[in-house]
Amino acid sequence: MKDGSLKERLIVLGELSYEEYYGGINRNTLEKKQEIIFFENYIKSKEKRISYFMKKYFGFN
């Protein structure tokens, strides 16, 4: 990824998900939700909205 801040946010989301899944630690769920919302908005801004929703809800490529 070229954007450094985007990379850092992805690392945070990965660590939170890893802790939750493998460690059974369920903390800062608000932080995780905020990161997921950020990535959804980022993806929406990079591709057409119709294409985004088709991929998200129907699995179309």
C-alpha atoms as a PDB file:
ATOM      1  CA  MET A   1       0.000   0.000   0.000  1.00  0.00           C
ATOM      2  CA  LYS A   2       1.279   3.398  -0.908  1.00  0.00           C
ATOM      3  CA  ASP A   3      -0.592   5.303   1.799  1.00  0.00           C
ATOM      4  CA  GLY A   4       1.272   4.888   5.112  1.00  0.00           C
ATOM      5  CA  SER A   5      -1.704   5.780   7.308  1.00  0.00           C
ATOM      6  CA  LEU A   6      -3.839   3.198   5.521  1.00  0.00           C
ATOM      7  CA  LYS A   7      -1.176   0.578   6.181  1.00  0.00           C
ATOM      8  CA  GLU A   8      -1.064   1.469   9.886  1.00  0.00           C
ATOM      9  CA  ARG A   9      -4.851   1.203  10.195  1.00  0.00           C
ATOM     10  CA  LEU A  10      -4.793  -2.196   8.523  1.00  0.00           C
ATOM     11  CA  ILE A  11      -2.144  -3.397  10.982  1.00  0.00           C
ATOM     12  CA  VAL A  12      -4.297  -2.255  13.931  1.00  0.00           C
ATOM     13  CA  LEU A  13      -7.350  -4.049  12.525  1.00  0.00           C
ATOM     14  CA  GLY A  14      -5.320  -7.205  11.952  1.00  0.00           C
ATOM     15  CA  GLU A  15      -3.978  -7.194  15.504  1.00  0.00           C
ATOM     16  CA  LEU A  16      -7.430  -6.654  17.024  1.00  0.00           C
ATOM     17  CA  SER A  17      -8.924  -9.437  14.916  1.00  0.00           C
ATOM     18  CA  TYR A  18      -6.048 -11.797  15.745  1.00  0.00           C
ATOM     19  CA  GLU A  19      -6.394 -11.159  19.495  1.00  0.00           C
ATOM     20  CA  GLU A  20     -10.137 -11.716  19.338  1.00  0.00           C
ATOM     21  CA  TYR A  21      -9.985 -14.923  17.321  1.00  0.00           C
ATOM     22  CA  TYR A  22      -6.927 -16.672  18.742  1.00  0.00           C
ATOM     23  CA  GLY A  23      -6.612 -15.134  22.178  1.00  0.00           C
ATOM     24  CA  GLY A  24     -10.261 -14.952  23.119  1.00  0.00           C
ATOM     25  CA  ILE A  25      -9.709 -11.306  24.055  1.00  0.00           C
ATOM     26  CA  ASN A  26     -12.701  -9.148  23.208  1.00  0.00           C
ATOM     27  CA  ARG A  27     -11.592  -5.606  23.993  1.00  0.00           C
ATOM     28  CA  ASN A  28     -11.968  -2.318  22.124  1.00  0.00           C
ATOM     29  CA  THR A  29     -14.773  -3.576  19.918  1.00  0.00           C
ATOM     30  CA  LEU A  30     -15.643   0.055  19.185  1.00  0.00           C
ATOM     31  CA  GLU A  31     -12.140   0.601  17.815  1.00  0.00           C
ATOM     32  CA  LYS A  32     -12.486  -2.470  15.587  1.00  0.00           C
ATOM     33  CA  LYS A  33     -15.867  -1.302  14.283  1.00  0.00           C
ATOM     34  CA  GLN A  34     -14.425   2.119  13.490  1.00  0.00           C
ATOM     35  CA  GLU A  35     -11.587   0.528  11.518  1.00  0.00           C
ATOM     36  CA  ILE A  36     -14.008  -1.660   9.553  1.00  0.00           C
ATOM     37  CA  ILE A  37     -16.194   1.351   8.733  1.00  0.00           C
ATOM     38  CA  PHE A  38     -13.097   3.268   7.620  1.00  0.00           C
ATOM     39  CA  PHE A  39     -12.071   0.480   5.227  1.00  0.00           C
ATOM     40  CA  GLU A  40     -15.592   0.132   3.821  1.00  0.00           C
ATOM     41  CA  ASN A  41     -15.705   3.872   3.131  1.00  0.00           C
ATOM     42  CA  TYR A  42     -12.231   3.744   1.592  1.00  0.00           C
ATOM     43  CA  ILE A  43     -13.226   0.922  -0.750  1.00  0.00           C
ATOM     44  CA  LYS A  44     -16.454   2.724  -1.679  1.00  0.00           C
ATOM     45  CA  SER A  45     -14.460   5.809  -2.617  1.00  0.00           C
ATOM     46  CA  LYS A  46     -12.107   3.778  -4.826  1.00  0.00           C
ATOM     47  CA  GLU A  47     -14.671   1.811  -6.819  1.00  0.00           C
ATOM     48  CA  LYS A  48     -18.160   2.418  -8.107  1.00  0.00           C
ATOM     49  CA  ARG A  49     -20.873   2.104  -5.484  1.00  0.00           C
ATOM     50  CA  ILE A  50     -22.902  -0.448  -7.462  1.00  0.00           C
ATOM     51  CA  SER A  51     -19.848  -2.641  -7.941  1.00  0.00           C
ATOM     52  CA  TYR A  52     -19.025  -2.403  -4.225  1.00  0.00           C
ATOM     53  CA  PHE A  53     -22.497  -3.475  -3.078  1.00  0.00           C
ATOM     54  CA  MET A  54     -22.682  -6.300  -5.627  1.00  0.00           C
ATOM     55  CA  LYS A  55     -19.392  -7.697  -4.311  1.00  0.00           C
ATOM     56  CA  LYS A  56     -20.311  -7.203  -0.653  1.00  0.00           C
ATOM     57  CA  TYR A  57     -23.821  -8.651  -0.654  1.00  0.00           C
ATOM     58  CA  PHE A  58     -23.911 -11.004  -3.630  1.00  0.00           C
ATOM     59  CA  GLY A  59     -20.288 -12.038  -4.115  1.00  0.00           C
ATOM     60  CA  PHE A  60     -20.191 -10.921  -7.749  1.00  0.00           C
ATOM     61  CA  ASN A  61     -16.864  -9.920  -9.219  1.00  0.00           C
END
